[in-house]
Amino acid sequence: MVSELAKYDIPYNDMEQSMIDWVTESLELRHGVAGDPGGKLTVVDPRAGIEGMMAMLTRVRRRADRVDELLAKATMARGRFRRARDEASFSAEIAYDQATSTNKAHRGFDDFSTKEERNADASLSSLNEKRAAHEAKRLVSGAEEACAVIGQIHWQLDAFRKDLRSTIHALQFESNLEN
């Protein structure tokens, strides 16, 4: 189904898996080790001094930069999926309307059919287009979820970075008062 959406904007092969991978990587960057020799991000004890705070700030910035990149990718994918959804929905509507018209032409004036039967015929005739539209809606939903999760992690890392900077400034201020 996903490959049918490629005609609307971009090739969608493996895009859904890519979004899942981006969310998984973002979660690892925020809550896991993420290949960092320093381990997980934790609150730094102010007794570690400015050097300890600066080291943690550097680690947070690296992770935040990567999460920023992942958020940009997810946002672009969401936009592409939305455009594909709109095109697929439009194509499904057109196919349904054409099927309604075609079915009416094939039926003679002597044939009696109910509105429900005509709708059922048109729905069956446009089933492939409706299936593609449904798949596009599902992909948009997944992309919106990915953007929300990655955006939340981006916000958390930014808040962590701001807290570290505030603490560093406070320690520098204290140090200046002592001198």
Protein backbone atom coordinates (compact mmCIF):
# COMPACT_ATOMS: atom_id res chain seq x y z
CA MET A 1 0.00 0.00 0.00
CA VAL A 2 2.71 2.48 0.93
CA SER A 3 4.36 2.16 -2.46
CA GLU A 4 1.13 3.35 -4.11
CA LEU A 5 1.51 6.66 -2.27
CA ALA A 6 4.90 7.31 -3.87
CA LYS A 7 3.25 8.72 -6.97
CA TYR A 8 1.90 11.63 -4.93
CA ASP A 9 5.13 13.05 -3.53
CA ILE A 10 8.10 10.88 -2.59
CA PRO A 11 8.89 7.20 -2.44
CA TYR A 12 7.48 5.94 0.86
CA ASN A 13 9.40 2.69 1.03
CA ASP A 14 10.64 2.24 4.58
CA MET A 15 9.54 5.77 5.63
CA GLU A 16 7.33 4.46 8.41
CA GLN A 17 10.21 2.39 9.78
CA SER A 18 12.48 5.44 9.52
CA MET A 19 10.09 7.42 11.72
CA ILE A 20 10.03 4.64 14.30
CA ASP A 21 13.84 4.57 14.21
CA TRP A 22 13.99 8.37 14.68
CA VAL A 23 11.73 8.18 17.73
CA THR A 24 13.72 5.27 19.17
CA GLU A 25 17.00 7.14 18.65
CA SER A 26 15.56 10.29 20.24
CA LEU A 27 14.43 8.33 23.29
CA GLU A 28 17.88 6.79 23.57
CA LEU A 29 19.51 10.22 23.29
CA ARG A 30 17.34 11.56 26.09
CA HIS A 31 17.07 8.61 28.46
CA GLY A 32 19.80 6.19 27.47
CA VAL A 33 23.57 6.01 27.03
CA ALA A 34 23.45 6.75 23.28
CA GLY A 35 27.04 5.67 22.77
CA ASP A 36 28.26 8.36 25.14
CA PRO A 37 31.25 7.26 27.28
CA GLY A 38 29.87 9.50 30.05
CA GLY A 39 26.71 7.38 30.22
CA LYS A 40 23.19 8.65 30.72
CA LEU A 41 22.46 12.33 31.20
CA THR A 42 22.04 13.08 34.89
CA VAL A 43 21.78 16.12 37.09
CA VAL A 44 25.26 17.34 37.90
CA ASP A 45 26.10 18.05 41.51
CA PRO A 46 27.10 21.73 41.76
CA ARG A 47 30.13 20.62 43.80
CA ALA A 48 31.49 19.21 40.51
CA GLY A 49 32.26 22.83 39.70
CA ILE A 50 32.10 24.74 36.49
CA GLU A 51 34.26 22.15 34.68
CA GLY A 52 31.81 19.34 35.51
CA MET A 53 28.88 21.49 34.46
CA MET A 54 30.56 22.49 31.20
CA ALA A 55 31.32 18.84 30.39
CA MET A 56 27.67 17.92 30.91
CA LEU A 57 26.54 20.95 28.90
CA THR A 58 28.70 19.80 25.98
CA ARG A 59 27.18 16.32 26.16
CA VAL A 60 23.64 17.73 26.27
CA ARG A 61 24.32 20.03 23.33
CA ARG A 62 25.60 17.13 21.20
CA ARG A 63 22.48 15.14 21.91
CA ALA A 64 20.20 18.14 21.42
CA ASP A 65 21.79 18.82 18.03
CA ARG A 66 21.04 15.28 16.90
CA VAL A 67 17.48 15.42 18.23
CA ASP A 68 17.04 18.72 16.38
CA GLU A 69 18.08 16.98 13.16
CA LEU A 70 15.67 14.10 13.82
CA LEU A 71 12.84 16.56 14.52
CA ALA A 72 13.51 18.31 11.22
CA LYS A 73 13.39 14.98 9.36
CA ALA A 74 10.16 13.95 11.09
CA THR A 75 8.59 17.33 10.37
CA MET A 76 9.50 17.08 6.68
CA ALA A 77 8.12 13.53 6.51
CA ARG A 78 4.90 14.66 8.18
CA GLY A 79 4.49 17.42 5.58
CA ARG A 80 5.07 14.98 2.75
CA PHE A 81 2.62 12.50 4.22
CA ARG A 82 0.01 15.24 4.60
CA ARG A 83 0.40 16.21 0.95
CA ALA A 84 0.15 12.55 -0.08
CA ARG A 85 -2.93 12.11 2.14
CA ASP A 86 -4.62 15.08 0.50
CA GLU A 87 -3.82 13.81 -3.00
CA ALA A 88 -4.88 10.25 -2.16
CA SER A 89 -8.18 11.50 -0.68
CA PHE A 90 -8.81 13.59 -3.77
CA SER A 91 -8.05 10.63 -6.04
CA ALA A 92 -10.43 8.43 -4.01
CA GLU A 93 -13.19 11.02 -4.36
CA ILE A 94 -12.60 11.28 -8.10
CA ALA A 95 -12.60 7.48 -8.49
CA TYR A 96 -15.84 7.23 -6.51
CA ASP A 97 -17.50 9.92 -8.60
CA GLN A 98 -16.31 8.31 -11.84
CA ALA A 99 -17.55 4.92 -10.67
CA THR A 100 -20.93 6.41 -9.82
CA SER A 101 -21.16 7.94 -13.27
CA THR A 102 -19.90 4.81 -15.06
CA ASN A 103 -22.21 2.50 -13.15
CA LYS A 104 -25.17 4.76 -13.92
CA ALA A 105 -24.33 4.62 -17.64
CA HIS A 106 -24.13 0.81 -17.58
CA ARG A 107 -27.49 0.47 -15.90
CA GLY A 108 -30.40 0.94 -18.18
CA PHE A 109 -33.41 3.05 -17.42
CA ASP A 110 -35.35 -0.14 -16.89
CA ASP A 111 -32.98 -1.38 -14.15
CA PHE A 112 -34.12 -0.43 -10.72
CA SER A 113 -31.49 -0.03 -8.04
CA THR A 114 -31.57 1.59 -4.67
CA LYS A 115 -29.30 4.40 -3.60
CA GLU A 116 -27.49 1.98 -1.28
CA GLU A 117 -26.79 -0.42 -4.14
CA ARG A 118 -25.39 2.37 -6.31
CA ASN A 119 -23.23 3.57 -3.43
CA ALA A 120 -22.00 0.04 -2.80
CA ASP A 121 -21.10 -0.42 -6.47
CA ALA A 122 -19.22 2.88 -6.56
CA SER A 123 -17.44 2.09 -3.29
CA LEU A 124 -16.29 -1.28 -4.58
CA SER A 125 -15.14 0.27 -7.84
CA SER A 126 -13.03 2.85 -6.00
CA LEU A 127 -11.76 0.50 -3.28
CA ASN A 128 -8.07 0.64 -4.27
CA GLU A 129 -8.05 4.44 -4.16
CA LYS A 130 -9.86 4.42 -0.80
CA ARG A 131 -7.31 1.93 0.52
CA ALA A 132 -4.46 4.23 -0.52
CA ALA A 133 -6.21 7.20 1.13
CA HIS A 134 -6.64 5.20 4.34
CA GLU A 135 -2.96 4.21 4.34
CA ALA A 136 -1.98 7.85 3.83
CA LYS A 137 -4.10 8.90 6.83
CA ARG A 138 -2.44 6.22 8.94
CA LEU A 139 1.02 7.43 7.91
CA VAL A 140 0.10 11.02 8.79
CA SER A 141 -1.04 9.84 12.21
CA GLY A 142 2.29 8.05 12.78
CA ALA A 143 4.26 11.08 11.60
CA GLU A 144 2.32 13.38 13.93
CA GLU A 145 3.03 11.05 16.83
CA ALA A 146 6.73 10.93 15.92
CA CYS A 147 6.89 14.73 15.73
CA ALA A 148 5.17 15.05 19.10
CA VAL A 149 7.53 12.61 20.85
CA ILE A 150 10.69 13.99 19.24
CA GLY A 151 9.50 17.55 19.90
CA GLN A 152 8.98 16.73 23.58
CA ILE A 153 12.48 15.26 23.83
CA HIS A 154 13.87 18.33 22.05
CA TRP A 155 12.13 20.54 24.61
CA GLN A 156 13.45 18.42 27.52
CA LEU A 157 17.04 18.62 26.30
CA ASP A 158 16.69 22.37 25.78
CA ALA A 159 15.36 22.76 29.33
CA PHE A 160 18.25 20.63 30.63
CA ARG A 161 20.71 22.83 28.73
CA LYS A 162 19.13 26.00 30.14
CA ASP A 163 19.29 24.62 33.68
CA LEU A 164 22.99 23.83 33.24
CA ARG A 165 23.70 27.29 31.86
CA SER A 166 21.86 28.93 34.76
CA THR A 167 23.83 26.88 37.27
CA ILE A 168 27.11 27.71 35.51
CA HIS A 169 26.26 31.42 35.61
CA ALA A 170 25.35 31.17 39.29
CA LEU A 171 28.63 29.40 40.08
CA GLN A 172 30.57 32.04 38.12
CA PHE A 173 28.74 34.80 39.99
CA GLU A 174 29.55 33.17 43.33
CA SER A 175 33.16 32.78 42.30
CA ASN A 176 33.36 36.47 41.42
CA LEU A 177 31.89 37.47 44.77
CA GLU A 178 34.49 35.42 46.60
CA ASN A 179 37.35 37.13 44.77
